[in-house]
N, C-alpha and C. Protein backbone atom coordinates (compact mmCIF):
# COMPACT_ATOMS: atom_id res chain seq x y z
N UNK A 1 66.58 14.80 -55.04
CA UNK A 1 66.36 13.51 -54.32
C UNK A 1 68.19 12.71 -54.61
N UNK A 2 68.62 12.02 -53.65
CA UNK A 2 69.77 11.40 -53.72
C UNK A 2 69.71 9.95 -53.54
N UNK A 3 70.44 9.23 -54.15
CA UNK A 3 70.26 7.72 -54.20
C UNK A 3 71.04 7.35 -53.08
N UNK A 4 70.94 6.46 -52.01
CA UNK A 4 71.41 6.16 -50.99
C UNK A 4 70.91 4.57 -50.09
N UNK A 5 72.28 4.41 -49.18
CA UNK A 5 71.93 2.59 -49.23
C UNK A 5 72.74 3.16 -47.13
N UNK A 6 71.89 2.47 -46.29
CA UNK A 6 72.74 2.19 -45.23
C UNK A 6 74.27 0.80 -45.10
N UNK A 7 75.34 1.70 -44.34
CA UNK A 7 76.24 0.41 -44.33
C UNK A 7 76.95 0.24 -43.18
N UNK A 8 77.81 -1.03 -42.85
CA UNK A 8 79.01 -0.73 -42.20
C UNK A 8 80.25 -0.83 -42.62
N UNK A 9 80.35 0.50 -41.97
CA UNK A 9 82.31 0.98 -42.96
C UNK A 9 83.18 -0.44 -42.88
N UNK A 10 84.24 0.06 -43.10
CA UNK A 10 85.22 -1.11 -43.17
C UNK A 10 86.88 -0.39 -42.82
N UNK A 11 87.21 -0.88 -42.01
CA UNK A 11 88.68 -0.24 -41.19
C UNK A 11 89.81 -0.74 -42.20
N UNK A 12 90.84 0.52 -42.54
CA UNK A 12 91.88 0.67 -42.99
C UNK A 12 92.67 -0.64 -43.39
N UNK A 13 92.84 -0.95 -41.85
CA UNK A 13 93.58 -2.73 -41.91
C UNK A 13 92.92 -3.89 -42.48
N UNK A 14 91.27 -3.67 -42.12
CA UNK A 14 90.54 -4.55 -42.95
C UNK A 14 90.60 -4.45 -44.33
N UNK A 15 90.90 -3.44 -44.72
CA UNK A 15 90.47 -3.12 -46.24
C UNK A 15 92.13 -3.59 -47.07
N UNK A 16 93.62 -3.44 -46.38
CA UNK A 16 94.21 -4.16 -47.02
C UNK A 16 94.59 -5.71 -47.00
N UNK A 17 93.76 -5.94 -45.53
CA UNK A 17 93.96 -7.10 -45.59
C UNK A 17 93.00 -8.02 -46.90
N UNK A 18 91.77 -7.89 -47.35
CA UNK A 18 90.83 -7.88 -48.04
C UNK A 18 91.90 -7.95 -49.65
N UNK A 19 92.16 -6.85 -50.03
CA UNK A 19 93.36 -6.52 -50.70
C UNK A 19 94.04 -7.33 -50.90
N UNK A 20 94.54 -8.18 -50.56
CA UNK A 20 95.55 -9.54 -50.72
C UNK A 20 95.19 -10.38 -50.55
N UNK A 21 93.83 -10.96 -49.79
CA UNK A 21 93.31 -11.95 -50.19
C UNK A 21 92.63 -11.84 -51.24
N UNK A 22 92.00 -11.11 -52.45
CA UNK A 22 92.03 -11.15 -53.70
C UNK A 22 92.95 -10.87 -54.40
N UNK A 23 94.23 -10.31 -54.09
CA UNK A 23 95.05 -10.34 -54.72
C UNK A 23 95.72 -12.21 -54.86
N UNK A 24 95.19 -12.91 -53.68
CA UNK A 24 95.91 -14.38 -53.96
C UNK A 24 94.84 -14.90 -54.72
N UNK A 25 93.46 -15.01 -54.37
CA UNK A 25 92.58 -15.27 -54.98
C UNK A 25 92.90 -15.35 -56.76
N UNK A 26 93.07 -14.26 -57.31
CA UNK A 26 93.81 -13.83 -58.65
C UNK A 26 94.67 -14.66 -59.38
N UNK A 27 95.27 -14.57 -58.05
CA UNK A 27 97.20 -15.28 -58.75
C UNK A 27 96.72 -16.51 -58.29
N UNK A 28 96.10 -17.70 -57.81
CA UNK A 28 95.21 -18.81 -58.17
C UNK A 28 94.43 -19.10 -59.19
N UNK A 29 93.80 -18.54 -59.20
CA UNK A 29 92.70 -19.20 -60.49
C UNK A 29 92.79 -18.27 -61.45
N UNK A 30 93.39 -17.08 -61.97
CA UNK A 30 92.96 -16.03 -63.35
C UNK A 30 94.04 -16.82 -64.50
N UNK A 31 94.93 -17.45 -64.47
CA UNK A 31 96.15 -17.88 -65.10
C UNK A 31 94.90 -19.45 -66.05
N UNK A 32 94.27 -19.67 -65.31
CA UNK A 32 93.08 -20.92 -65.60
C UNK A 32 92.07 -20.76 -66.40
N UNK A 33 91.70 -19.51 -66.44
CA UNK A 33 90.04 -19.11 -66.61
C UNK A 33 90.65 -18.39 -68.14
N UNK A 34 89.17 -19.12 -68.64
CA UNK A 34 89.23 -18.81 -70.79
C UNK A 34 88.94 -16.98 -70.67
N UNK A 35 89.09 -16.84 -71.93
CA UNK A 35 89.26 -15.24 -72.34
C UNK A 35 87.74 -14.72 -72.15
N UNK A 36 87.02 -15.59 -72.91
CA UNK A 36 85.68 -15.30 -72.65
C UNK A 36 84.71 -15.06 -71.24
N UNK A 37 85.23 -15.16 -70.49
CA UNK A 37 84.77 -15.12 -68.73
C UNK A 37 85.18 -13.54 -68.36
N UNK A 38 83.98 -13.29 -67.85
CA UNK A 38 83.86 -11.64 -67.83
C UNK A 38 83.91 -11.21 -66.08
N UNK A 39 84.60 -10.86 -65.64
CA UNK A 39 84.68 -10.74 -63.52
C UNK A 39 84.79 -9.35 -63.68
N UNK A 40 84.49 -8.74 -62.39
CA UNK A 40 85.25 -7.65 -61.97
C UNK A 40 85.25 -7.78 -60.78
N UNK A 41 86.20 -6.72 -60.23
CA UNK A 41 87.05 -7.29 -58.85
C UNK A 41 86.55 -5.67 -57.92
N UNK A 42 85.85 -5.95 -56.69
CA UNK A 42 85.74 -4.98 -56.13
C UNK A 42 86.53 -4.04 -55.55
N UNK A 43 86.55 -2.94 -55.77
CA UNK A 43 87.79 -2.08 -55.20
C UNK A 43 87.74 -2.09 -53.59
N UNK A 44 88.58 -2.46 -53.11
CA UNK A 44 88.93 -2.76 -52.22
C UNK A 44 88.61 -0.99 -50.87
N UNK A 45 88.79 -0.30 -51.66
CA UNK A 45 88.31 1.63 -51.16
C UNK A 45 87.18 1.69 -51.39
N UNK A 46 86.08 0.37 -51.99
CA UNK A 46 84.68 0.73 -51.81
C UNK A 46 84.26 -0.04 -51.48
N UNK A 47 84.55 -1.18 -50.53
CA UNK A 47 84.23 -2.59 -49.90
C UNK A 47 83.13 -1.85 -48.86
N UNK A 48 82.09 -2.50 -48.34
CA UNK A 48 81.26 -2.07 -47.52
C UNK A 48 80.12 -2.91 -47.41
N UNK A 49 79.67 -3.22 -45.96
CA UNK A 49 78.34 -4.61 -45.82
C UNK A 49 76.96 -3.57 -46.17
N UNK A 50 76.58 -3.76 -46.55
CA UNK A 50 75.46 -3.07 -47.24
C UNK A 50 74.36 -3.62 -46.08
N UNK A 51 73.43 -2.79 -45.35
CA UNK A 51 72.55 -3.12 -44.54
C UNK A 51 71.13 -2.39 -44.68
N UNK A 52 71.03 -2.00 -45.48
CA UNK A 52 69.74 -1.26 -46.43
C UNK A 52 69.88 -0.46 -47.37
N UNK A 53 69.38 -1.14 -48.48
CA UNK A 53 69.40 -0.30 -50.00
C UNK A 53 68.46 1.04 -49.70
N UNK A 54 68.51 2.07 -49.59
CA UNK A 54 67.09 3.28 -49.39
C UNK A 54 66.83 3.32 -50.91
N UNK A 55 67.71 3.44 -52.16
CA UNK A 55 67.12 4.21 -52.87
C UNK A 55 67.36 5.81 -53.29
N UNK A 56 66.64 6.05 -54.58
CA UNK A 56 66.18 7.87 -54.34
C UNK A 56 65.76 7.95 -52.96
N UNK A 57 66.49 9.26 -52.09
CA UNK A 57 65.47 9.45 -50.94
C UNK A 57 65.50 11.70 -51.69
N UNK A 58 64.56 11.77 -50.80
CA UNK A 58 64.41 13.30 -50.90
C UNK A 58 65.66 14.44 -49.56
N UNK A 59 66.66 15.13 -50.05
CA UNK A 59 67.63 15.16 -49.12
C UNK A 59 66.90 16.03 -47.54
N UNK A 60 65.54 15.57 -47.60
CA UNK A 60 65.79 16.25 -46.42
C UNK A 60 65.46 15.21 -45.17
N UNK A 61 65.27 14.26 -45.79
CA UNK A 61 65.50 13.19 -44.41
C UNK A 61 66.39 12.80 -43.79
N UNK A 62 67.94 13.51 -44.86
CA UNK A 62 69.13 12.93 -44.27
C UNK A 62 69.44 13.15 -42.70
N UNK A 63 68.72 14.35 -42.60
CA UNK A 63 68.81 14.43 -40.67
C UNK A 63 67.75 13.76 -39.97
N UNK A 64 66.73 13.79 -40.28
CA UNK A 64 65.94 13.29 -39.46
C UNK A 64 66.21 11.37 -39.13
N UNK A 65 66.91 10.99 -40.36
CA UNK A 65 66.93 9.38 -40.18
C UNK A 65 68.47 9.82 -39.45
N UNK A 66 69.57 9.81 -39.70
CA UNK A 66 70.18 10.11 -38.62
C UNK A 66 70.13 10.29 -37.21
N UNK A 67 69.40 11.62 -36.92
CA UNK A 67 68.70 11.30 -35.40
C UNK A 67 67.91 9.83 -35.03
N UNK A 68 67.17 9.58 -35.59
CA UNK A 68 66.29 8.42 -35.23
C UNK A 68 67.18 7.21 -35.46
N UNK A 69 68.03 7.09 -36.15
CA UNK A 69 69.55 5.94 -36.47
C UNK A 69 69.66 6.22 -35.05
N UNK A 70 70.21 7.16 -35.03
CA UNK A 70 71.28 7.06 -33.39
C UNK A 70 70.37 6.71 -32.08
N UNK A 71 69.07 7.19 -31.83
CA UNK A 71 68.35 6.74 -30.82
C UNK A 71 68.06 4.98 -30.97
N UNK A 72 68.16 4.65 -31.92
CA UNK A 72 67.98 3.04 -32.49
C UNK A 72 69.20 2.08 -32.20
N UNK A 73 70.59 2.67 -32.72
CA UNK A 73 71.55 2.21 -32.30
C UNK A 73 72.43 2.33 -31.10
N UNK A 74 71.80 3.15 -30.26
CA UNK A 74 72.30 3.13 -28.37
C UNK A 74 71.50 2.06 -28.36
N UNK A 75 70.25 0.80 -28.29
CA UNK A 75 70.39 0.05 -27.92
C UNK A 75 70.45 -1.53 -28.20
N UNK A 76 71.66 -1.22 -28.93
CA UNK A 76 72.39 -2.28 -29.57
C UNK A 76 73.92 -2.03 -29.62
N UNK A 77 74.32 -3.39 -28.83
CA UNK A 77 75.85 -3.43 -29.00
C UNK A 77 76.59 -3.76 -29.96
N UNK A 78 77.56 -3.16 -30.08
CA UNK A 78 78.65 -3.82 -31.13
C UNK A 78 78.91 -5.52 -31.27
N UNK A 79 78.98 -5.89 -32.58
CA UNK A 79 78.52 -6.85 -32.95
C UNK A 79 79.90 -7.82 -33.90
N UNK A 80 80.91 -8.42 -34.17
CA UNK A 80 82.25 -8.94 -34.23
C UNK A 80 81.87 -10.00 -35.11
N UNK A 81 81.60 -9.85 -37.06
CA UNK A 81 81.49 -11.01 -37.78
C UNK A 81 83.04 -11.62 -38.10
N UNK A 82 82.96 -12.73 -37.75
CA UNK A 82 84.49 -13.51 -38.64
C UNK A 82 84.49 -13.58 -39.71
N UNK A 83 85.43 -13.54 -40.60
CA UNK A 83 85.56 -13.86 -42.00
C UNK A 83 86.64 -14.57 -41.99
N UNK A 84 86.18 -16.21 -41.97
CA UNK A 84 86.61 -17.20 -42.08
C UNK A 84 86.36 -18.30 -42.77
N UNK A 85 85.90 -17.35 -43.89
CA UNK A 85 85.17 -18.60 -45.05
C UNK A 85 85.14 -18.15 -46.53
N UNK A 86 85.64 -18.13 -47.55
CA UNK A 86 85.32 -17.87 -48.98
C UNK A 86 84.29 -18.50 -49.68
N UNK A 87 83.42 -17.84 -49.95
CA UNK A 87 82.23 -18.81 -51.06
C UNK A 87 81.95 -17.85 -52.10
N UNK A 88 80.54 -18.91 -52.47
CA UNK A 88 80.11 -18.14 -54.07
C UNK A 88 78.72 -18.00 -54.40
N UNK A 89 77.99 -16.84 -54.63
CA UNK A 89 76.76 -16.72 -54.70
C UNK A 89 76.19 -16.97 -56.13
N UNK A 90 75.19 -18.37 -56.67
CA UNK A 90 73.99 -18.50 -55.55
C UNK A 90 74.57 -19.87 -55.25
N UNK A 91 76.18 -20.51 -55.93
CA UNK A 91 76.89 -21.77 -55.48
C UNK A 91 78.10 -21.62 -56.18
N UNK A 92 79.08 -21.84 -55.40
CA UNK A 92 80.38 -22.04 -55.95
C UNK A 92 80.75 -22.48 -57.09
N UNK A 93 79.92 -23.70 -57.52
CA UNK A 93 80.15 -24.41 -58.75
C UNK A 93 79.59 -23.12 -60.01
N UNK A 94 79.34 -22.55 -59.99
CA UNK A 94 78.73 -21.50 -60.85
C UNK A 94 78.24 -20.36 -60.45
N UNK A 95 79.45 -19.67 -59.72
CA UNK A 95 79.15 -18.13 -58.73
C UNK A 95 78.91 -16.96 -59.86
N UNK A 96 78.28 -15.97 -59.18
CA UNK A 96 77.75 -14.99 -59.71
C UNK A 96 78.68 -13.92 -59.27
N UNK A 97 78.66 -14.45 -57.56
CA UNK A 97 79.45 -13.34 -56.66
C UNK A 97 80.44 -14.21 -55.63
N UNK A 98 81.31 -13.62 -55.78
CA UNK A 98 82.57 -14.20 -54.75
C UNK A 98 82.68 -13.52 -53.62
N UNK A 99 82.91 -14.22 -52.13
CA UNK A 99 82.36 -13.52 -51.03
C UNK A 99 83.39 -14.02 -50.13
N UNK A 100 83.76 -13.28 -48.61
CA UNK A 100 84.13 -13.33 -47.61
C UNK A 100 83.38 -13.30 -46.49
N UNK A 101 82.87 -14.47 -45.97
CA UNK A 101 82.19 -14.17 -44.81
C UNK A 101 82.18 -15.08 -43.50
N UNK A 102 81.37 -15.20 -42.63
CA UNK A 102 81.69 -15.80 -41.62
C UNK A 102 81.09 -17.84 -41.53
N UNK A 103 81.52 -18.69 -41.10
CA UNK A 103 81.38 -20.06 -40.86
C UNK A 103 79.82 -19.91 -40.85
N UNK A 104 79.57 -21.19 -41.27
CA UNK A 104 77.95 -22.14 -41.14
C UNK A 104 77.48 -21.83 -39.65
N UNK A 105 78.68 -22.25 -38.66
CA UNK A 105 78.41 -22.13 -37.41
C UNK A 105 78.05 -21.07 -36.78
N UNK A 106 79.26 -19.80 -37.56
CA UNK A 106 78.58 -18.38 -36.84
C UNK A 106 77.60 -18.21 -37.11
N UNK A 107 76.56 -18.90 -38.36
CA UNK A 107 75.91 -18.06 -38.72
C UNK A 107 74.14 -18.66 -37.69
N UNK A 108 74.31 -19.50 -36.87
CA UNK A 108 73.95 -20.31 -35.90
C UNK A 108 73.89 -19.34 -34.57
N UNK A 109 74.47 -18.37 -34.15
CA UNK A 109 75.46 -18.10 -32.92
C UNK A 109 74.39 -17.02 -32.44
N UNK A 110 74.57 -16.61 -31.33
CA UNK A 110 73.81 -15.41 -30.46
C UNK A 110 74.37 -14.15 -31.08
N UNK A 111 75.67 -14.31 -31.58
CA UNK A 111 75.88 -12.93 -32.43
C UNK A 111 75.33 -12.69 -34.01
N UNK A 112 75.06 -13.75 -34.46
CA UNK A 112 74.18 -13.92 -35.80
C UNK A 112 72.83 -13.66 -35.61
N UNK A 113 71.91 -13.84 -33.99
CA UNK A 113 70.97 -13.75 -33.67
C UNK A 113 70.63 -12.05 -33.52
N UNK A 114 72.13 -11.73 -32.88
CA UNK A 114 71.67 -9.92 -32.21
C UNK A 114 71.90 -9.35 -34.15
N UNK A 115 72.51 -9.76 -34.54
CA UNK A 115 72.86 -8.98 -35.97
C UNK A 115 71.26 -8.82 -36.66
N UNK A 116 70.84 -9.99 -36.62
CA UNK A 116 69.42 -9.91 -37.36
C UNK A 116 68.68 -9.30 -36.38
N UNK A 117 68.73 -9.29 -34.85
CA UNK A 117 67.93 -8.16 -34.54
C UNK A 117 68.22 -6.74 -34.67
N UNK A 118 69.65 -6.65 -34.92
CA UNK A 118 70.08 -5.46 -35.36
C UNK A 118 69.26 -4.65 -36.41
N UNK A 119 69.67 -5.45 -37.36
CA UNK A 119 68.73 -4.99 -38.25
C UNK A 119 67.28 -5.31 -38.79
N UNK A 120 66.71 -5.73 -38.01
CA UNK A 120 65.35 -5.47 -37.74
C UNK A 120 64.89 -3.86 -37.17
N UNK A 121 65.65 -3.57 -36.25
CA UNK A 121 65.42 -2.58 -35.49
C UNK A 121 66.10 -0.92 -36.84
N UNK A 122 67.21 -1.76 -37.86
CA UNK A 122 67.04 -0.41 -38.31
C UNK A 122 65.78 -0.63 -38.99
N UNK A 123 65.19 -1.73 -40.25
CA UNK A 123 64.20 -1.56 -41.25
C UNK A 123 62.80 -0.89 -40.28
N UNK A 124 62.98 -0.87 -38.83
CA UNK A 124 61.45 -0.83 -38.12
C UNK A 124 62.02 1.30 -37.94
N UNK A 125 63.11 1.35 -37.67
CA UNK A 125 63.35 2.98 -37.73
C UNK A 125 63.41 3.55 -38.95
N UNK A 126 63.34 2.58 -40.12
CA UNK A 126 63.43 3.95 -41.61
C UNK A 126 61.88 3.46 -41.60
N UNK A 127 61.11 2.47 -41.49
CA UNK A 127 59.62 2.91 -41.37
C UNK A 127 59.08 4.03 -40.76
N UNK A 128 59.36 4.67 -39.77
CA UNK A 128 59.14 5.41 -39.08
C UNK A 128 59.09 6.92 -40.04
N UNK A 129 60.15 6.79 -40.95
CA UNK A 129 60.17 7.76 -41.52
C UNK A 129 59.98 7.83 -43.12
N UNK A 130 58.73 6.45 -43.14
CA UNK A 130 57.90 5.91 -44.78
C UNK A 130 58.67 5.22 -45.48
N UNK A 131 60.10 5.24 -45.42
CA UNK A 131 61.09 4.27 -46.37
C UNK A 131 60.51 3.18 -46.82
N UNK A 132 60.94 2.49 -47.41
CA UNK A 132 60.54 1.62 -48.12
C UNK A 132 61.29 0.35 -47.20
N UNK A 133 60.42 -0.52 -47.00
CA UNK A 133 61.15 -1.75 -45.76
C UNK A 133 61.80 -2.55 -47.30
N UNK A 134 62.96 -3.66 -46.75
CA UNK A 134 63.27 -4.27 -47.68
C UNK A 134 63.27 -5.60 -47.24
N UNK A 135 62.82 -6.79 -47.98
CA UNK A 135 63.00 -7.76 -47.27
C UNK A 135 63.56 -8.78 -47.42
N UNK A 136 64.66 -8.29 -47.99
CA UNK A 136 65.84 -9.24 -48.24
C UNK A 136 66.21 -8.92 -46.73
N UNK A 137 66.67 -10.51 -46.31
CA UNK A 137 67.50 -11.06 -44.89
C UNK A 137 68.98 -10.02 -45.16
N UNK A 138 69.45 -9.43 -43.72
CA UNK A 138 71.18 -9.02 -43.94
C UNK A 138 71.58 -10.18 -44.60
N UNK A 139 73.01 -10.06 -44.96
CA UNK A 139 73.93 -11.15 -45.57
C UNK A 139 74.63 -10.98 -45.10
N UNK A 140 75.83 -11.51 -44.14
CA UNK A 140 76.70 -11.00 -43.41
C UNK A 140 78.00 -11.62 -44.06
N UNK A 141 78.09 -10.98 -45.28
CA UNK A 141 79.51 -11.61 -46.52
C UNK A 141 79.98 -10.16 -47.45
N UNK A 142 81.40 -10.12 -47.53
CA UNK A 142 81.88 -8.80 -48.23
C UNK A 142 81.95 -9.49 -49.49
N UNK A 143 81.47 -8.63 -50.91
CA UNK A 143 81.92 -8.64 -51.93
C UNK A 143 83.02 -8.55 -52.25
N UNK A 144 84.00 -9.93 -53.00
CA UNK A 144 85.15 -9.65 -53.27
C UNK A 144 85.25 -9.43 -55.10
N UNK A 145 84.18 -9.98 -55.15
CA UNK A 145 84.26 -10.23 -57.11
C UNK A 145 82.98 -10.40 -57.58
N UNK A 146 82.41 -9.64 -58.80
CA UNK A 146 81.36 -10.25 -59.12
C UNK A 146 81.66 -10.67 -60.78
N UNK A 147 80.76 -11.75 -61.15
CA UNK A 147 81.01 -12.69 -62.88
C UNK A 147 79.92 -12.43 -63.50
N UNK A 148 80.36 -12.02 -64.64
CA UNK A 148 78.81 -11.10 -65.33
C UNK A 148 78.85 -12.72 -66.44
N UNK A 149 79.74 -13.04 -66.70
CA UNK A 149 79.73 -14.29 -67.91
C UNK A 149 81.32 -15.33 -67.96
N UNK A 150 80.23 -16.02 -68.26
CA UNK A 150 81.70 -17.55 -67.39
C UNK A 150 81.46 -18.48 -66.19
N UNK A 151 80.05 -18.45 -65.92
CA UNK A 151 80.34 -18.65 -64.32
C UNK A 151 80.38 -20.24 -64.00
N UNK A 152 79.95 -21.19 -65.04
CA UNK A 152 80.70 -22.41 -64.66
C UNK A 152 82.41 -22.84 -65.06
N UNK A 153 82.76 -21.53 -65.84
CA UNK A 153 84.41 -21.94 -66.21
C UNK A 153 84.74 -21.06 -64.94
N UNK A 154 84.50 -20.16 -64.25
CA UNK A 154 84.99 -19.75 -63.38
C UNK A 154 85.04 -20.74 -62.20
N UNK A 155 83.78 -21.07 -61.68
CA UNK A 155 83.47 -22.95 -60.49
C UNK A 155 84.74 -23.35 -60.96
N UNK A 156 85.04 -23.81 -62.25
CA UNK A 156 85.96 -25.10 -62.38
C UNK A 156 86.84 -24.57 -61.90
N UNK A 157 87.63 -23.20 -62.34
CA UNK A 157 88.73 -22.68 -62.17
C UNK A 157 89.06 -22.53 -60.16
N UNK A 158 88.11 -22.22 -59.92
CA UNK A 158 88.06 -22.52 -58.54
C UNK A 158 88.48 -23.74 -57.88
N UNK A 159 87.54 -24.77 -58.49
CA UNK A 159 87.88 -25.92 -57.90
C UNK A 159 89.01 -26.50 -58.47
N UNK A 160 89.86 -26.28 -59.52
CA UNK A 160 91.35 -26.89 -59.73
C UNK A 160 92.49 -26.20 -58.63
N UNK A 161 91.99 -24.53 -58.86
CA UNK A 161 93.14 -24.09 -57.45
C UNK A 161 92.87 -24.07 -56.25
N UNK A 162 91.89 -25.15 -55.48
CA UNK A 162 91.91 -25.21 -54.04
C UNK A 162 91.76 -23.92 -53.40
N UNK A 163 91.53 -23.02 -53.92
CA UNK A 163 91.38 -21.55 -53.23
C UNK A 163 90.85 -21.38 -52.02
N UNK A 164 89.55 -22.05 -52.48
CA UNK A 164 88.01 -21.89 -51.61
C UNK A 164 88.35 -22.92 -50.19
N UNK A 165 89.09 -24.21 -50.45
CA UNK A 165 89.56 -24.77 -49.46
C UNK A 165 90.13 -24.39 -48.73
N UNK A 166 90.80 -22.94 -48.40
CA UNK A 166 91.77 -22.66 -47.93
C UNK A 166 91.40 -22.14 -46.50
N UNK A 167 91.72 -22.43 -45.22
CA UNK A 167 91.06 -21.47 -44.49
C UNK A 167 91.36 -19.67 -44.27
N UNK A 168 90.63 -18.86 -44.10
CA UNK A 168 90.51 -17.98 -43.52
C UNK A 168 90.76 -17.68 -42.29
N UNK A 169 91.79 -17.11 -41.65
CA UNK A 169 91.28 -16.85 -40.01
C UNK A 169 92.43 -15.85 -39.93
N UNK A 170 91.71 -14.92 -38.47
CA UNK A 170 91.95 -14.15 -37.94
C UNK A 170 91.54 -12.78 -37.93
N UNK A 171 90.58 -12.57 -39.08
CA UNK A 171 90.06 -11.26 -39.73
C UNK A 171 88.40 -11.59 -39.42
N UNK A 172 87.86 -10.15 -38.88
CA UNK A 172 87.06 -9.94 -39.09
C UNK A 172 86.23 -8.24 -39.07
N UNK A 173 85.26 -8.59 -38.98
CA UNK A 173 84.68 -6.86 -39.48
C UNK A 173 83.76 -6.82 -38.18
N UNK A 174 83.95 -5.74 -37.78
CA UNK A 174 83.34 -5.25 -36.45
C UNK A 174 82.34 -4.19 -36.68
N UNK A 175 80.90 -4.86 -36.57
CA UNK A 175 80.00 -4.12 -36.61
C UNK A 175 79.64 -3.01 -35.71
N UNK A 176 80.15 -1.77 -35.82
CA UNK A 176 80.21 -0.86 -34.70
C UNK A 176 79.78 0.80 -35.08
N UNK A 177 79.20 0.89 -35.73
CA UNK A 177 78.74 1.87 -36.40
C UNK A 177 78.03 1.42 -37.72
N UNK A 178 76.71 2.82 -38.00
CA UNK A 178 76.59 2.49 -39.67
C UNK A 178 76.50 3.87 -40.08
N UNK A 179 76.85 3.80 -41.67
CA UNK A 179 76.87 5.29 -42.57
C UNK A 179 75.62 5.10 -43.18
N UNK A 180 75.65 6.36 -43.82
CA UNK A 180 74.26 6.84 -44.92
C UNK A 180 75.22 6.70 -45.96
N UNK A 181 75.44 6.23 -47.25
CA UNK A 181 76.23 6.51 -48.10
C UNK A 181 75.36 7.24 -49.35
N UNK A 182 76.02 8.07 -50.16
CA UNK A 182 75.33 8.32 -50.84
C UNK A 182 75.74 7.83 -52.05
N UNK A 183 75.59 7.00 -53.46
CA UNK A 183 76.03 6.60 -53.97
C UNK A 183 75.47 7.05 -55.54
N UNK A 184 77.01 7.72 -56.31
CA UNK A 184 76.21 8.80 -57.70
C UNK A 184 77.05 7.52 -58.68
N UNK A 185 76.12 7.37 -59.45
CA UNK A 185 76.81 6.59 -60.77
C UNK A 185 77.20 7.43 -61.94
N UNK A 186 78.54 6.80 -62.28
CA UNK A 186 79.66 7.27 -63.34
C UNK A 186 79.71 6.42 -64.33
N UNK A 187 80.39 6.57 -65.56
CA UNK A 187 80.77 5.87 -66.82
C UNK A 187 81.75 4.47 -65.78
N UNK A 188 82.63 5.44 -65.08
CA UNK A 188 83.36 4.29 -64.60
C UNK A 188 82.96 3.94 -63.63
N UNK A 189 82.19 3.89 -62.97
CA UNK A 189 81.60 2.91 -61.55
C UNK A 189 80.86 4.12 -60.78
N UNK A 190 80.80 3.43 -59.89
CA UNK A 190 80.00 4.29 -58.78
C UNK A 190 80.74 5.59 -57.81
N UNK A 191 80.34 6.00 -57.13
CA UNK A 191 81.23 7.03 -56.15
C UNK A 191 80.78 7.22 -54.93
N UNK A 192 80.52 6.58 -54.02
CA UNK A 192 80.41 6.70 -52.35
C UNK A 192 80.69 7.59 -51.65
N UNK A 193 79.76 8.46 -51.40
CA UNK A 193 80.45 9.55 -49.98
C UNK A 193 79.34 9.32 -48.76
N UNK A 194 80.12 8.77 -47.51
CA UNK A 194 79.53 9.28 -46.64
C UNK A 194 78.73 10.60 -45.55
N UNK A 195 77.82 10.66 -45.80
CA UNK A 195 76.86 11.57 -45.20
C UNK A 195 77.03 11.88 -43.82
N UNK A 196 76.84 10.75 -43.07
CA UNK A 196 77.01 10.78 -41.56
C UNK A 196 77.24 9.71 -41.02
N UNK A 197 77.54 9.19 -39.76
CA UNK A 197 77.87 8.02 -39.04
C UNK A 197 77.63 8.07 -38.04
N UNK A 198 76.34 6.99 -37.19
CA UNK A 198 76.03 7.14 -35.97
C UNK A 198 76.36 5.34 -35.12
N UNK A 199 77.34 5.53 -33.80
CA UNK A 199 77.60 4.43 -33.37
C UNK A 199 76.69 3.46 -32.71
N UNK A 200 76.59 1.84 -32.74
CA UNK A 200 76.33 1.48 -31.73
C UNK A 200 77.22 1.47 -30.22
N UNK A 201 76.42 0.74 -29.51
CA UNK A 201 77.22 0.45 -27.95
C UNK A 201 78.21 -0.20 -27.98
N UNK A 202 79.31 0.46 -27.29
CA UNK A 202 80.52 -0.80 -27.70
C UNK A 202 80.67 -1.76 -27.20
N UNK A 203 81.21 -2.72 -27.62
CA UNK A 203 81.25 -4.19 -27.23
C UNK A 203 81.44 -4.50 -25.70
């Protein structure tokens, strides 16, 4: 059995951009944080957009899933997700996650509807191989940091720094392929390995 998930990979230039955004957020808010705050920043090399967490699957499913996914994705065109907004889940005043993602206007767009349709098609594809359904909708956001303690203090520091009010322009995540990632848990964190990649239609 191997621990796996489906994800959208990030291009290297986008990883570099996200690293610079992380550095800017850190520089503006970290000096204002009390010492009891515990937060971890996602390494840009590990960033991806999770599409579906599969959990432990039999290795014998890796190739059948690749073939089924390739057929599914050919019916969908690539989608561009603009990364123009910084936010926090569940709310920016007491965040557990800091993220970058699209605007609320994009969330109501035709492209957002196409992304939701793609997600439904991927779910249906996985069900043909008897993989458990995921009831959560696809979140078009990339995680920058996770806060484990001091959520209110982080929210206050973000408010004082005004970092969340600054527009982020000119960056986008292109959903043009889906990868099956293997996740191996180690004492220093998860190690991700791409097992295969399948392309959508060109935009």
